[in-house]
Amino acid sequence: MTKDGLRRRNFWVYNLDADNSISGTSINGTTINGTTINGTTISGTTLQSNDHTNYGTTTNSHYNGSGTIINTLKADTVISGGMWVIGSAASGTAFAPIAISTVAAQPLGICLSTVASGANVEILTTGVYTGIIAEASLNNGVGFSIGAGTAANCAKAAGAGTTRGTVLMGGGSEATISVYLW
């Protein structure tokens, strides 16, 4: 306890009231009105309670598909969720995502759910994804690139200049792994 407030883990609290509530304090310009921050509503906005120690695992699926998502592009063909996608010139001059057909190409990202031709595609370009299939054993922390599997949903150890991200939760051949795309 200091003269002006309370400090814990480098987080300073000023204006601490007698009932341990906070008044007149703001974070990035938003005032906190006497409520707690772990999963409760604060000034009309609900903050999600997360367990960050299990980041990217299948038991905490709310992390899956979180990151930078493009969702304004229309699919050139049907794309299944979990497939790597790239741009197509087949639609003329407009960029349209299609499932990737060659491992030589650098993918734009991963399609998050199955879409019909002409429908908007949600493409995870950077962030956490749980659902890639390992073509061979991949350990945590290694770089990966797009695999050669015909389902266009595979990963393999990265070669020179082909790294698409880092493995968060590795596995053996044919295992489902968690990755971070960058």
Protein backbone atom coordinates (compact mmCIF):
# COMPACT_ATOMS: atom_id res chain seq x y z
CA MET A 1 0.00 0.00 0.00
CA THR A 2 1.32 3.40 -0.92
CA LYS A 3 0.16 6.86 -0.04
CA ASP A 4 -2.01 7.14 -3.17
CA GLY A 5 -3.02 3.59 -4.01
CA LEU A 6 -2.32 -0.12 -4.15
CA ARG A 7 0.33 -1.83 -6.32
CA ARG A 8 0.42 -5.43 -7.51
CA ARG A 9 2.51 -6.75 -10.40
CA ASN A 10 3.24 -3.23 -11.63
CA PHE A 11 -0.46 -2.35 -11.86
CA TRP A 12 -1.25 0.83 -9.95
CA VAL A 13 -4.71 1.52 -8.55
CA TYR A 14 -5.58 5.05 -7.53
CA ASN A 15 -8.79 6.37 -5.98
CA LEU A 16 -9.38 3.13 -4.05
CA ASP A 17 -12.60 3.60 -2.07
CA ALA A 18 -13.23 2.24 1.43
CA ASP A 19 -15.10 -0.78 -0.02
CA ASN A 20 -12.13 -1.57 -2.36
CA SER A 21 -14.04 -0.39 -5.43
CA ILE A 22 -12.41 1.86 -8.01
CA SER A 23 -13.93 5.19 -8.93
CA GLY A 24 -12.86 7.86 -11.35
CA THR A 25 -10.25 5.57 -12.95
CA SER A 26 -10.02 4.92 -16.65
CA ILE A 27 -8.18 2.51 -18.92
CA ASN A 28 -7.58 3.90 -22.40
CA GLY A 29 -10.27 6.49 -21.78
CA THR A 30 -12.99 4.06 -20.63
CA THR A 31 -14.15 4.50 -17.04
CA ILE A 32 -14.50 1.41 -14.87
CA ASN A 33 -17.61 1.66 -12.73
CA GLY A 34 -17.15 -0.37 -9.54
CA THR A 35 -17.24 -3.89 -11.05
CA THR A 36 -14.68 -6.65 -11.31
CA ILE A 37 -12.94 -7.49 -14.60
CA ASN A 38 -13.03 -11.31 -14.75
CA GLY A 39 -15.98 -12.18 -16.99
CA THR A 40 -18.40 -9.52 -15.75
CA THR A 41 -19.97 -6.58 -17.52
CA ILE A 42 -18.13 -3.28 -17.27
CA SER A 43 -19.92 -0.17 -18.55
CA GLY A 44 -21.98 -2.24 -20.99
CA THR A 45 -19.10 -4.31 -22.38
CA THR A 46 -18.53 -7.94 -21.40
CA LEU A 47 -14.92 -9.00 -21.09
CA GLN A 48 -14.19 -12.69 -21.65
CA SER A 49 -12.58 -14.68 -18.84
CA ASN A 50 -9.74 -16.74 -20.31
CA ASP A 51 -7.16 -19.18 -19.02
CA HIS A 52 -4.00 -18.02 -20.79
CA THR A 53 -1.94 -20.94 -19.54
CA ASN A 54 -3.65 -23.26 -22.03
CA TYR A 55 -3.35 -20.99 -25.07
CA GLY A 56 -4.32 -22.74 -28.29
CA THR A 57 -5.26 -26.12 -26.87
CA THR A 58 -8.40 -27.95 -27.84
CA THR A 59 -9.77 -27.60 -24.30
CA ASN A 60 -9.82 -23.82 -24.75
CA SER A 61 -11.36 -23.58 -28.20
CA HIS A 62 -12.20 -19.87 -27.77
CA TYR A 63 -8.60 -19.19 -28.86
CA ASN A 64 -8.98 -21.17 -32.07
CA GLY A 65 -9.18 -18.88 -35.08
CA SER A 66 -8.31 -15.76 -33.10
CA GLY A 67 -6.05 -13.25 -34.80
CA THR A 68 -6.19 -11.24 -38.02
CA ILE A 69 -9.13 -12.37 -40.15
CA ILE A 70 -10.08 -11.22 -43.64
CA ASN A 71 -13.82 -11.68 -44.18
CA THR A 72 -14.67 -9.47 -47.16
CA LEU A 73 -13.56 -11.71 -50.03
CA LYS A 74 -15.88 -13.99 -52.00
CA ALA A 75 -14.82 -17.62 -52.63
CA ASP A 76 -14.11 -18.59 -56.22
CA THR A 77 -15.03 -22.22 -55.46
CA VAL A 78 -16.33 -24.24 -52.50
CA ILE A 79 -13.71 -24.16 -49.72
CA SER A 80 -13.80 -26.48 -46.72
CA GLY A 81 -13.01 -25.19 -43.25
CA GLY A 82 -9.38 -25.79 -42.30
CA MET A 83 -8.02 -25.57 -45.84
CA TRP A 84 -5.12 -23.34 -46.83
CA VAL A 85 -6.24 -20.67 -49.30
CA ILE A 86 -4.58 -18.53 -51.97
CA GLY A 87 -5.80 -16.05 -54.58
CA SER A 88 -7.31 -17.10 -57.89
CA ALA A 89 -7.11 -15.37 -61.25
CA ALA A 90 -10.00 -17.48 -62.54
CA SER A 91 -12.57 -14.84 -61.60
CA GLY A 92 -10.98 -12.20 -63.84
CA THR A 93 -9.48 -9.11 -62.27
CA ALA A 94 -10.98 -9.52 -58.77
CA PHE A 95 -9.07 -11.38 -56.07
CA ALA A 96 -11.01 -14.48 -55.04
CA PRO A 97 -9.78 -17.11 -52.58
CA ILE A 98 -9.55 -20.78 -53.59
CA ALA A 99 -8.18 -23.84 -51.82
CA ILE A 100 -4.46 -24.05 -52.43
CA SER A 101 -3.34 -26.74 -54.87
CA THR A 102 0.45 -26.58 -54.68
CA VAL A 103 2.91 -26.50 -51.80
CA ALA A 104 5.21 -24.23 -53.80
CA ALA A 105 2.84 -21.31 -53.22
CA GLN A 106 2.78 -19.25 -50.03
CA PRO A 107 -0.79 -19.40 -48.65
CA LEU A 108 -2.75 -16.31 -47.67
CA GLY A 109 -4.12 -18.14 -44.64
CA ILE A 110 -6.59 -20.75 -43.44
CA CYS A 111 -10.31 -20.84 -44.25
CA LEU A 112 -12.11 -20.96 -40.87
CA SER A 113 -15.38 -22.59 -42.02
CA THR A 114 -16.80 -24.26 -45.12
CA VAL A 115 -18.16 -21.77 -47.66
CA ALA A 116 -19.95 -22.02 -50.98
CA SER A 117 -18.70 -20.49 -54.18
CA GLY A 118 -19.49 -16.76 -54.14
CA ALA A 119 -19.87 -16.59 -50.35
CA ASN A 120 -17.68 -14.45 -48.09
CA VAL A 121 -14.70 -16.39 -46.72
CA GLU A 122 -13.24 -15.95 -43.23
CA ILE A 123 -9.48 -16.32 -43.70
CA LEU A 124 -7.19 -16.40 -40.67
CA THR A 125 -4.00 -14.71 -41.89
CA THR A 126 -2.17 -14.38 -38.56
CA GLY A 127 -3.06 -15.90 -35.21
CA VAL A 128 -3.82 -19.16 -33.45
CA TYR A 129 -5.31 -22.15 -35.27
CA THR A 130 -6.00 -25.62 -33.86
CA GLY A 131 -6.78 -28.09 -36.58
CA ILE A 132 -3.82 -28.45 -38.93
CA ILE A 133 -2.73 -32.05 -39.59
CA ALA A 134 0.97 -32.85 -39.15
CA GLU A 135 2.47 -34.75 -42.11
CA ALA A 136 5.32 -35.92 -39.89
CA SER A 137 6.20 -35.30 -36.24
CA LEU A 138 6.34 -31.59 -35.44
CA ASN A 139 7.61 -30.39 -32.06
CA ASN A 140 6.51 -27.30 -30.18
CA GLY A 141 8.37 -24.18 -31.23
CA VAL A 142 9.48 -25.30 -34.71
CA GLY A 143 8.64 -23.43 -37.88
CA PHE A 144 6.15 -25.02 -40.25
CA SER A 145 4.95 -24.56 -43.80
CA ILE A 146 2.06 -25.83 -45.89
CA GLY A 147 2.04 -29.59 -46.33
CA ALA A 148 1.49 -31.64 -49.47
CA GLY A 149 -1.70 -33.39 -48.31
CA THR A 150 -4.46 -33.44 -50.92
CA ALA A 151 -7.00 -32.14 -48.38
CA ALA A 152 -5.01 -28.84 -48.28
CA ASN A 153 -5.09 -28.86 -44.46
CA CYS A 154 -1.61 -30.17 -43.62
CA ALA A 155 1.65 -28.81 -42.22
CA LYS A 156 5.24 -29.97 -42.47
CA ALA A 157 8.59 -28.78 -41.14
CA ALA A 158 9.51 -25.52 -42.83
CA GLY A 159 12.15 -25.40 -45.52
CA ALA A 160 14.27 -22.40 -46.40
CA GLY A 161 12.06 -19.39 -47.11
CA THR A 162 8.76 -21.25 -46.67
CA THR A 163 8.00 -20.74 -42.98
CA ARG A 164 4.35 -19.79 -42.42
CA GLY A 165 4.34 -19.89 -38.62
CA THR A 166 5.33 -21.61 -35.38
CA VAL A 167 3.98 -24.83 -33.87
CA LEU A 168 2.35 -24.17 -30.47
CA MET A 169 1.24 -27.72 -29.64
CA GLY A 170 3.06 -30.38 -31.64
CA GLY A 171 2.24 -33.97 -32.43
CA GLY A 172 3.22 -37.05 -34.40
CA SER A 173 2.40 -37.86 -37.99
CA GLU A 174 -1.33 -37.40 -38.75
CA ALA A 175 -1.92 -35.69 -35.39
CA THR A 176 -3.96 -32.51 -35.11
CA ILE A 177 -1.67 -29.69 -33.97
CA SER A 178 -2.02 -26.06 -32.88
CA VAL A 179 -0.08 -23.39 -34.70
CA TYR A 180 0.50 -19.66 -34.74
CA LEU A 181 0.40 -18.17 -38.24
CA TRP A 182 2.64 -15.20 -38.93
